[in-house]
C-alpha atoms as a PDB file:
ATOM      1  CA  MET A   1       0.000   0.000   0.000  1.00  0.00           C
ATOM      2  CA  LYS A   2       1.579   3.271  -1.067  1.00  0.00           C
ATOM      3  CA  SER A   3       0.541   6.874  -0.986  1.00  0.00           C
ATOM      4  CA  PHE A   4       2.307  10.118  -1.829  1.00  0.00           C
ATOM      5  CA  CYS A   5       3.698  10.307   1.687  1.00  0.00           C
ATOM      6  CA  LEU A   6       3.513   6.892   3.333  1.00  0.00           C
ATOM      7  CA  PHE A   7       5.172   3.592   2.681  1.00  0.00           C
ATOM      8  CA  LEU A   8       3.491   0.696   4.402  1.00  0.00           C
ATOM      9  CA  LEU A   9       5.305  -2.202   5.996  1.00  0.00           C
ATOM     10  CA  PHE A  10       3.869  -5.084   7.966  1.00  0.00           C
ATOM     11  CA  LEU A  11       5.187  -6.350  11.280  1.00  0.00           C
ATOM     12  CA  LEU A  12       4.022  -9.904  11.926  1.00  0.00           C
ATOM     13  CA  LEU A  13       4.094 -10.961  15.580  1.00  0.00           C
ATOM     14  CA  PHE A  14       4.432 -14.589  16.673  1.00  0.00           C
ATOM     15  CA  PHE A  15       2.134 -14.927  19.633  1.00  0.00           C
ATOM     16  CA  LEU A  16      -1.405 -16.060  20.366  1.00  0.00           C
ATOM     17  CA  PRO A  17      -3.702 -14.523  19.470  1.00  0.00           C
ATOM     18  CA  SER A  18      -1.592 -13.397  16.540  1.00  0.00           C
ATOM     19  CA  SER A  19      -1.816  -9.787  15.399  1.00  0.00           C
ATOM     20  CA  VAL A  20      -0.501  -7.763  12.498  1.00  0.00           C
ATOM     21  CA  PHE A  21       0.905  -4.319  13.153  1.00  0.00           C
ATOM     22  CA  SER A  22       2.172  -1.716  10.710  1.00  0.00           C
ATOM     23  CA  LEU A  23       5.349   0.269  10.353  1.00  0.00           C
ATOM     24  CA  GLU A  24       4.936   3.506   8.442  1.00  0.00           C
ATOM     25  CA  GLN A  25       7.496   5.755   6.783  1.00  0.00           C
ATOM     26  CA  SER A  26       6.746   9.389   6.032  1.00  0.00           C
ATOM     27  CA  GLN A  27       8.834  11.126   3.378  1.00  0.00           C
ATOM     28  CA  ASP A  28       7.939  14.635   4.551  1.00  0.00           C
ATOM     29  CA  PRO A  29       5.931  14.030   7.697  1.00  0.00           C
ATOM     30  CA  SER A  30       5.741  17.638   8.859  1.00  0.00           C
ATOM     31  CA  SER A  31       3.993  18.895   5.728  1.00  0.00           C
ATOM     32  CA  ALA A  32       0.274  19.630   5.962  1.00  0.00           C
ATOM     33  CA  LEU A  33      -0.449  17.188   3.146  1.00  0.00           C
ATOM     34  CA  CYS A  34       1.386  14.327   4.790  1.00  0.00           C
ATOM     35  CA  THR A  35      -0.116  15.076   8.201  1.00  0.00           C
ATOM     36  CA  HIS A  36      -3.564  14.911   6.609  1.00  0.00           C
ATOM     37  CA  ASP A  37      -2.625  11.683   4.830  1.00  0.00           C
ATOM     38  CA  LEU A  38      -1.279  10.314   8.116  1.00  0.00           C
ATOM     39  CA  GLU A  39      -4.609  10.871   9.840  1.00  0.00           C
ATOM     40  CA  GLN A  40      -6.514   9.342   6.932  1.00  0.00           C
ATOM     41  CA  GLU A  41      -4.326   6.275   6.546  1.00  0.00           C
ATOM     42  CA  VAL A  42      -4.040   5.465  10.235  1.00  0.00           C
ATOM     43  CA  SER A  43      -7.806   5.800  10.579  1.00  0.00           C
ATOM     44  CA  GLN A  44      -8.310   3.469   7.620  1.00  0.00           C
ATOM     45  CA  PHE A  45      -5.799   1.001   9.011  1.00  0.00           C
ATOM     46  CA  PHE A  46      -7.429   0.933  12.450  1.00  0.00           C
ATOM     47  CA  SER A  47     -10.901   0.721  10.952  1.00  0.00           C
ATOM     48  CA  ALA A  48      -9.716  -2.372   9.053  1.00  0.00           C
ATOM     49  CA  GLY A  49      -8.854  -4.058  12.354  1.00  0.00           C
ATOM     50  CA  ALA A  50      -5.169  -3.270  12.982  1.00  0.00           C
ATOM     51  CA  GLN A  51      -4.231  -3.001  16.649  1.00  0.00           C
ATOM     52  CA  GLY A  52      -1.368  -0.539  16.292  1.00  0.00           C
ATOM     53  CA  TYR A  53       0.640   1.778  14.089  1.00  0.00           C
ATOM     54  CA  LEU A  54       4.338   2.705  14.159  1.00  0.00           C
ATOM     55  CA  LEU A  55       5.692   5.816  12.451  1.00  0.00           C
ATOM     56  CA  TRP A  56       9.236   6.148  11.081  1.00  0.00           C
ATOM     57  CA  GLN A  57      10.766   8.062  12.751  1.00  0.00           C
ATOM     58  CA  TYR A  58      10.915  10.496  15.667  1.00  0.00           C
ATOM     59  CA  SER A  59      14.212  12.417  15.899  1.00  0.00           C
ATOM     60  CA  GLY A  60      13.869  14.659  18.941  1.00  0.00           C
ATOM     61  CA  ASN A  61      15.072  18.256  18.792  1.00  0.00           C
ATOM     62  CA  ARG A  62      15.770  19.399  15.245  1.00  0.00           C
ATOM     63  CA  LYS A  63      18.584  21.870  16.025  1.00  0.00           C
ATOM     64  CA  ILE A  64      20.042  20.623  19.320  1.00  0.00           C
ATOM     65  CA  ASN A  65      21.465  17.102  19.417  1.00  0.00           C
ATOM     66  CA  PRO A  66      18.841  15.369  17.259  1.00  0.00           C
ATOM     67  CA  LEU A  67      18.333  11.701  18.054  1.00  0.00           C
ATOM     68  CA  GLU A  68      18.288  10.887  14.356  1.00  0.00           C
ATOM     69  CA  ASN A  69      18.318  13.036  11.247  1.00  0.00           C
ATOM     70  CA  ASP A  70      17.161  11.553   7.975  1.00  0.00           C
ATOM     71  CA  ARG A  71      14.627  12.530   5.347  1.00  0.00           C
ATOM     72  CA  TYR A  72      11.941  10.468   7.070  1.00  0.00           C
ATOM     73  CA  SER A  73      12.294  12.230  10.425  1.00  0.00           C
ATOM     74  CA  PHE A  74       9.761  14.286  12.295  1.00  0.00           C
ATOM     75  CA  PHE A  75      10.862  16.391  15.229  1.00  0.00           C
ATOM     76  CA  LYS A  76       9.695  17.711  18.564  1.00  0.00           C
ATOM     77  CA  ASP A  77       6.792  20.195  18.317  1.00  0.00           C
ATOM     78  CA  SER A  78       5.958  18.909  14.822  1.00  0.00           C
ATOM     79  CA  SER A  79       2.371  18.909  13.598  1.00  0.00           C
ATOM     80  CA  VAL A  80       2.779  15.149  13.405  1.00  0.00           C
ATOM     81  CA  CYS A  81       2.457  14.992  17.198  1.00  0.00           C
ATOM     82  CA  THR A  82      -0.788  16.943  17.011  1.00  0.00           C
ATOM     83  CA  ALA A  83      -2.076  14.494  14.412  1.00  0.00           C
ATOM     84  CA  LEU A  84      -1.039  11.479  16.511  1.00  0.00           C
ATOM     85  CA  ASN A  85      -2.810  12.909  19.545  1.00  0.00           C
ATOM     86  CA  GLN A  86      -5.983  13.417  17.544  1.00  0.00           C
ATOM     87  CA  ILE A  87      -5.784   9.857  16.225  1.00  0.00           C
ATOM     88  CA  LYS A  88      -5.263   8.534  19.754  1.00  0.00           C
ATOM     89  CA  GLN A  89      -8.381  10.337  20.957  1.00  0.00           C
ATOM     90  CA  LYS A  90     -10.346   8.837  18.086  1.00  0.00           C
ATOM     91  CA  PHE A  91      -8.986   5.312  18.700  1.00  0.00           C
ATOM     92  CA  PRO A  92      -8.264   5.106  22.458  1.00  0.00           C
ATOM     93  CA  ASP A  93      -8.028   1.305  22.407  1.00  0.00           C
ATOM     94  CA  LYS A  94      -5.308   1.220  19.731  1.00  0.00           C
ATOM     95  CA  PHE A  95      -1.599   1.868  20.204  1.00  0.00           C
ATOM     96  CA  LEU A  96       0.493   4.459  18.404  1.00  0.00           C
ATOM     97  CA  GLY A  97       4.253   4.231  18.284  1.00  0.00           C
ATOM     98  CA  VAL A  98       7.399   5.646  16.738  1.00  0.00           C
ATOM     99  CA  ASN A  99      10.777   4.349  15.658  1.00  0.00           C
ATOM    100  CA  ILE A 100      13.937   5.761  17.253  1.00  0.00           C
ATOM    101  CA  HIS A 101      16.532   3.254  16.131  1.00  0.00           C
ATOM    102  CA  SER A 102      19.550   4.616  18.066  1.00  0.00           C
ATOM    103  CA  LEU A 103      17.684   5.707  21.207  1.00  0.00           C
ATOM    104  CA  ALA A 104      19.684   3.381  23.444  1.00  0.00           C
ATOM    105  CA  SER A 105      22.973   4.995  22.392  1.00  0.00           C
ATOM    106  CA  HIS A 106      21.999   8.322  23.998  1.00  0.00           C
ATOM    107  CA  ASP A 107      22.435   9.496  27.585  1.00  0.00           C
ATOM    108  CA  ASP A 108      19.782   8.504  30.090  1.00  0.00           C
ATOM    109  CA  GLY A 109      18.691  12.121  30.529  1.00  0.00           C
ATOM    110  CA  VAL A 110      18.063  12.509  26.800  1.00  0.00           C
ATOM    111  CA  ILE A 111      16.147   9.238  26.691  1.00  0.00           C
ATOM    112  CA  ARG A 112      14.025  10.298  29.664  1.00  0.00           C
ATOM    113  CA  GLU A 113      13.275  13.715  28.172  1.00  0.00           C
ATOM    114  CA  GLN A 114      12.245  12.383  24.774  1.00  0.00           C
ATOM    115  CA  LEU A 115      10.132   9.491  26.037  1.00  0.00           C
ATOM    116  CA  SER A 116       8.352  11.815  28.448  1.00  0.00           C
ATOM    117  CA  TYR A 117       7.569  14.168  25.567  1.00  0.00           C
ATOM    118  CA  LEU A 118       6.337  11.385  23.294  1.00  0.00           C
ATOM    119  CA  SER A 119       4.082  10.004  26.010  1.00  0.00           C
ATOM    120  CA  SER A 120       2.621  13.330  27.093  1.00  0.00           C
ATOM    121  CA  SER A 121       2.447  15.196  23.773  1.00  0.00           C
ATOM    122  CA  CYS A 122       2.327  12.668  20.923  1.00  0.00           C
ATOM    123  CA  GLY A 123      -0.105   9.982  22.061  1.00  0.00           C
ATOM    124  CA  THR A 124       2.741   7.476  21.910  1.00  0.00           C
ATOM    125  CA  SER A 125       2.735   4.259  23.919  1.00  0.00           C
ATOM    126  CA  VAL A 126       5.219   2.119  21.941  1.00  0.00           C
ATOM    127  CA  VAL A 127       8.765   2.831  20.747  1.00  0.00           C
ATOM    128  CA  ARG A 128      10.842   0.615  18.437  1.00  0.00           C
ATOM    129  CA  ILE A 129      14.627   0.678  18.937  1.00  0.00           C
ATOM    130  CA  TRP A 130      17.720  -1.159  17.762  1.00  0.00           C
ATOM    131  CA  GLY A 131      19.152  -3.564  20.344  1.00  0.00           C
ATOM    132  CA  THR A 132      22.417  -4.173  18.499  1.00  0.00           C
ATOM    133  CA  PRO A 133      25.913  -4.147  20.070  1.00  0.00           C
ATOM    134  CA  ASP A 134      26.896  -1.010  18.143  1.00  0.00           C
ATOM    135  CA  ARG A 135      23.969   0.822  19.779  1.00  0.00           C
ATOM    136  CA  ALA A 136      24.012  -0.387  23.372  1.00  0.00           C
ATOM    137  CA  SER A 137      24.900  -3.141  25.802  1.00  0.00           C
ATOM    138  CA  PRO A 138      22.184  -5.456  27.117  1.00  0.00           C
ATOM    139  CA  GLN A 139      22.294  -3.584  30.421  1.00  0.00           C
ATOM    140  CA  LYS A 140      21.753  -0.229  28.693  1.00  0.00           C
ATOM    141  CA  LEU A 141      18.777  -1.714  26.869  1.00  0.00           C
ATOM    142  CA  LYS A 142      17.334  -2.672  30.241  1.00  0.00           C
ATOM    143  CA  THR A 143      17.874   0.911  31.411  1.00  0.00           C
ATOM    144  CA  VAL A 144      15.930   2.161  28.382  1.00  0.00           C
ATOM    145  CA  LEU A 145      13.060  -0.143  29.346  1.00  0.00           C
ATOM    146  CA  ASP A 146      13.195   1.141  32.942  1.00  0.00           C
ATOM    147  CA  ILE A 147      12.856   4.726  31.671  1.00  0.00           C
ATOM    148  CA  ALA A 148      10.133   3.708  29.231  1.00  0.00           C
ATOM    149  CA  GLN A 149       8.160   2.029  32.003  1.00  0.00           C
ATOM    150  CA  SER A 150       8.224   5.210  34.089  1.00  0.00           C
ATOM    151  CA  ASN A 151       6.653   7.022  31.113  1.00  0.00           C
ATOM    152  CA  GLY A 152       3.989   4.452  30.311  1.00  0.00           C
ATOM    153  CA  ILE A 153       5.760   3.305  27.134  1.00  0.00           C
ATOM    154  CA  LYS A 154       6.528  -0.203  25.918  1.00  0.00           C
ATOM    155  CA  VAL A 155       9.500  -1.065  23.717  1.00  0.00           C
ATOM    156  CA  ILE A 156      10.050  -3.214  20.634  1.00  0.00           C
ATOM    157  CA  ILE A 157      13.705  -4.294  20.466  1.00  0.00           C
ATOM    158  CA  ALA A 158      15.104  -5.139  17.027  1.00  0.00           C
ATOM    159  CA  LEU A 159      17.910  -7.572  17.823  1.00  0.00           C
ATOM    160  CA  ALA A 160      19.828  -7.015  14.570  1.00  0.00           C
ATOM    161  CA  ASP A 161      19.686  -4.934  11.398  1.00  0.00           C
ATOM    162  CA  TYR A 162      19.737  -6.912   8.160  1.00  0.00           C
ATOM    163  CA  SER A 163      19.240  -3.947   5.837  1.00  0.00           C
ATOM    164  CA  ASN A 164      22.185  -1.936   7.173  1.00  0.00           C
ATOM    165  CA  SER A 165      24.171  -4.768   8.788  1.00  0.00           C
ATOM    166  CA  SER A 166      25.070  -5.118  12.464  1.00  0.00           C
ATOM    167  CA  GLY A 167      28.786  -5.822  12.412  1.00  0.00           C
ATOM    168  CA  ASP A 168      29.742  -9.360  13.417  1.00  0.00           C
ATOM    169  CA  ILE A 169      26.271 -10.423  14.523  1.00  0.00           C
ATOM    170  CA  LEU A 170      24.765  -9.839  11.063  1.00  0.00           C
ATOM    171  CA  PRO A 171      27.452  -8.816   8.546  1.00  0.00           C
ATOM    172  CA  ALA A 172      26.711  -6.930   5.335  1.00  0.00           C
ATOM    173  CA  ASN A 173      28.607  -9.399   3.144  1.00  0.00           C
ATOM    174  CA  ILE A 174      25.883 -12.041   3.505  1.00  0.00           C
ATOM    175  CA  GLN A 175      23.202  -9.988   1.767  1.00  0.00           C
ATOM    176  CA  SER A 176      23.774 -11.250  -1.774  1.00  0.00           C
ATOM    177  CA  ASN A 177      23.161 -14.804  -0.549  1.00  0.00           C
ATOM    178  CA  PRO A 178      22.281 -15.146   3.153  1.00  0.00           C
ATOM    179  CA  THR A 179      21.297 -18.826   2.946  1.00  0.00           C
ATOM    180  CA  SER A 180      24.313 -20.176   4.839  1.00  0.00           C
ATOM    181  CA  TRP A 181      23.956 -17.515   7.515  1.00  0.00           C
ATOM    182  CA  TYR A 182      20.326 -18.492   8.130  1.00  0.00           C
ATOM    183  CA  ALA A 183      21.318 -22.164   8.072  1.00  0.00           C
ATOM    184  CA  SER A 184      24.100 -21.954  10.665  1.00  0.00           C
ATOM    185  CA  GLY A 185      26.214 -18.797  10.418  1.00  0.00           C
ATOM    186  CA  TYR A 186      24.042 -16.893  12.890  1.00  0.00           C
ATOM    187  CA  GLN A 187      25.098 -19.238  15.675  1.00  0.00           C
ATOM    188  CA  GLN A 188      28.596 -17.753  16.001  1.00  0.00           C
ATOM    189  CA  TYR A 189      27.813 -14.154  17.039  1.00  0.00           C
ATOM    190  CA  TYR A 190      24.103 -13.438  16.592  1.00  0.00           C
ATOM    191  CA  LEU A 191      22.821 -16.239  18.822  1.00  0.00           C
ATOM    192  CA  PRO A 192      25.022 -15.332  21.841  1.00  0.00           C
ATOM    193  CA  HIS A 193      23.949 -11.705  21.415  1.00  0.00           C
ATOM    194  CA  VAL A 194      20.265 -12.640  21.434  1.00  0.00           C
ATOM    195  CA  THR A 195      20.757 -14.844  24.480  1.00  0.00           C
ATOM    196  CA  ALA A 196      22.560 -12.084  26.378  1.00  0.00           C
ATOM    197  CA  VAL A 197      19.918  -9.456  25.615  1.00  0.00           C
ATOM    198  CA  VAL A 198      16.923 -11.657  26.419  1.00  0.00           C
ATOM    199  CA  SER A 199      18.532 -12.954  29.626  1.00  0.00           C
ATOM    200  CA  THR A 200      19.297  -9.401  30.790  1.00  0.00           C
ATOM    201  CA  ILE A 201      15.867  -7.998  29.927  1.00  0.00           C
ATOM    202  CA  GLY A 202      14.032 -10.936  31.479  1.00  0.00           C
ATOM    203  CA  ASN A 203      10.292 -10.505  31.829  1.00  0.00           C
ATOM    204  CA  HIS A 204      10.480  -6.716  31.943  1.00  0.00           C
ATOM    205  CA  PRO A 205       7.005  -5.113  32.024  1.00  0.00           C
ATOM    206  CA  ALA A 206       8.041  -2.468  29.471  1.00  0.00           C
ATOM    207  CA  LEU A 207       8.990  -5.043  26.822  1.00  0.00           C
ATOM    208  CA  PHE A 208       6.442  -5.052  24.007  1.00  0.00           C
ATOM    209  CA  ALA A 209       8.193  -7.499  21.680  1.00  0.00           C
ATOM    210  CA  TYR A 210      11.481  -8.703  20.242  1.00  0.00           C
ATOM    211  CA  GLU A 211      12.150  -8.355  16.540  1.00  0.00           C
ATOM    212  CA  LEU A 212      14.590 -10.951  15.184  1.00  0.00           C
ATOM    213  CA  ALA A 213      16.079  -8.405  12.778  1.00  0.00           C
ATOM    214  CA  ASN A 214      15.206  -5.261  10.884  1.00  0.00           C
ATOM    215  CA  GLU A 215      13.961  -6.236   7.413  1.00  0.00           C
ATOM    216  CA  PRO A 216      15.515  -9.698   7.009  1.00  0.00           C
ATOM    217  CA  HIS A 217      14.966 -11.535   3.740  1.00  0.00           C
ATOM    218  CA  CYS A 218      16.542 -14.066   1.399  1.00  0.00           C
ATOM    219  CA  GLY A 219      18.156 -11.811  -1.172  1.00  0.00           C
ATOM    220  CA  GLY A 220      16.078 -13.461  -3.899  1.00  0.00           C
ATOM    221  CA  GLN A 221      17.778 -16.842  -3.411  1.00  0.00           C
ATOM    222  CA  SER A 222      15.286 -19.617  -4.143  1.00  0.00           C
ATOM    223  CA  SER A 223      17.093 -22.097  -1.886  1.00  0.00           C
ATOM    224  CA  CYS A 224      16.968 -19.743   1.098  1.00  0.00           C
ATOM    225  CA  PRO A 225      13.395 -19.794   2.520  1.00  0.00           C
ATOM    226  CA  PRO A 226      13.696 -23.164   4.332  1.00  0.00           C
ATOM    227  CA  ALA A 227      16.865 -21.975   6.112  1.00  0.00           C
ATOM    228  CA  TYR A 228      15.217 -18.630   6.783  1.00  0.00           C
ATOM    229  CA  ASN A 229      12.212 -20.268   8.419  1.00  0.00           C
ATOM    230  CA  SER A 230      14.480 -22.591  10.386  1.00  0.00           C
ATOM    231  CA  TRP A 231      16.378 -19.560  11.735  1.00  0.00           C
ATOM    232  CA  VAL A 232      13.089 -17.921  12.755  1.00  0.00           C
ATOM    233  CA  ALA A 233      11.903 -21.081  14.518  1.00  0.00           C
ATOM    234  CA  HIS A 234      15.200 -21.671  16.342  1.00  0.00           C
ATOM    235  CA  ILE A 235      15.692 -18.126  17.607  1.00  0.00           C
ATOM    236  CA  SER A 236      12.041 -17.887  18.628  1.00  0.00           C
ATOM    237  CA  SER A 237      12.431 -21.082  20.659  1.00  0.00           C
ATOM    238  CA  VAL A 238      15.610 -19.742  22.293  1.00  0.00           C
ATOM    239  CA  ILE A 239      13.840 -16.519  23.282  1.00  0.00           C
ATOM    240  CA  HIS A 240      10.844 -18.416  24.644  1.00  0.00           C
ATOM    241  CA  SER A 241      13.099 -20.740  26.627  1.00  0.00           C
ATOM    242  CA  ILE A 242      14.242 -17.654  28.557  1.00  0.00           C
ATOM    243  CA  ASN A 243      11.015 -15.644  28.519  1.00  0.00           C
ATOM    244  CA  SER A 244       8.032 -17.809  27.649  1.00  0.00           C
ATOM    245  CA  SER A 245       5.645 -14.847  27.420  1.00  0.00           C
ATOM    246  CA  ALA A 246       7.740 -12.747  25.016  1.00  0.00           C
ATOM    247  CA  GLN A 247       6.085 -11.567  21.827  1.00  0.00           C
ATOM    248  CA  ILE A 248       8.296 -12.139  18.795  1.00  0.00           C
ATOM    249  CA  SER A 249       8.338 -10.526  15.365  1.00  0.00           C
ATOM    250  CA  ILE A 250      10.493 -11.584  12.443  1.00  0.00           C
ATOM    251  CA  GLY A 251      10.809  -7.932  11.412  1.00  0.00           C
ATOM    252  CA  GLN A 252      10.330  -8.779   7.745  1.00  0.00           C
ATOM    253  CA  MET A 253       8.643  -6.377   5.382  1.00  0.00           C
ATOM    254  CA  ALA A 254       6.060  -7.179   2.728  1.00  0.00           C
ATOM    255  CA  SER A 255       6.982  -4.660   0.093  1.00  0.00           C
ATOM    256  CA  GLN A 256       9.832  -5.947  -2.067  1.00  0.00           C
ATOM    257  CA  PRO A 257       8.789  -8.692  -4.501  1.00  0.00           C
ATOM    258  CA  GLY A 258      11.662 -10.937  -5.485  1.00  0.00           C
ATOM    259  CA  THR A 259      13.628 -10.906  -2.239  1.00  0.00           C
ATOM    260  CA  LEU A 260      11.978 -14.137  -0.996  1.00  0.00           C
ATOM    261  CA  GLY A 261      11.393 -14.945   2.634  1.00  0.00           C
ATOM    262  CA  ASP A 262       9.388 -11.777   3.137  1.00  0.00           C
ATOM    263  CA  THR A 263       7.037 -11.623   0.165  1.00  0.00           C
ATOM    264  CA  PRO A 264       3.581 -13.237   0.021  1.00  0.00           C
ATOM    265  CA  GLN A 265       3.764 -13.691  -3.755  1.00  0.00           C
ATOM    266  CA  ASN A 266       7.192 -15.330  -3.937  1.00  0.00           C
ATOM    267  CA  GLY A 267       8.365 -16.522  -0.557  1.00  0.00           C
ATOM    268  CA  ASP A 268       7.266 -18.204   2.643  1.00  0.00           C
ATOM    269  CA  TYR A 269       5.850 -15.057   4.224  1.00  0.00           C
ATOM    270  CA  GLN A 270       2.432 -16.559   4.870  1.00  0.00           C
ATOM    271  CA  ASN A 271       3.919 -19.670   6.491  1.00  0.00           C
ATOM    272  CA  SER A 272       6.239 -17.666   8.700  1.00  0.00           C
END
């Protein structure tokens, strides 16, 4: 589903009852047109039965130490927050969230300030962050959840980043053919990382879900989907062996035909 301003992704969670949530990207989210489109599309999405909506991405203060700064960002005091608040009032039983991928790499005071603002001014109750070693230690991730809990926010932790790589735990050089990584390569660095994070976080009340990786897929390799699904099943079982109540998302997106592993038309998306 595309519009002038929004690019729709789907976040499929592995828990019962299963639910499908959306991740949204806004190319110029502060413009009046895109704010109007945001209200329309979120309303349509909720009316169709979705339980929540995540916007990419909140970047804090525009001029003073921004949390992020890319062409998809919206900033503090943006009209986007006004729109999110209005949507929240219209759909009080749904959740609204934002992405802040490097939130955990910032000082505790900055994290506290921004989460307080999002909770009080933007109708936000969920934040999605990167839980990769280049962003933060497992203990710092737990600190983020502590701060989030004090602000009435729950956190989705993406455990790796396939699209942009995550150093040793998910290297960029596998992207042309990730089959062997999904088959066994992940066990060297990625698996210990996942185990450390999940063990440290435990059954934290501010944990919304784990995401196995940001936008994983098979690179179009036809032999890859079985290994991909095996990776999903194994890591999900490892997480549940530590925290049996954890909600788990693959993190895959449903918008790039031909990549396999994440596409309903060509891969094993529906099975996974």
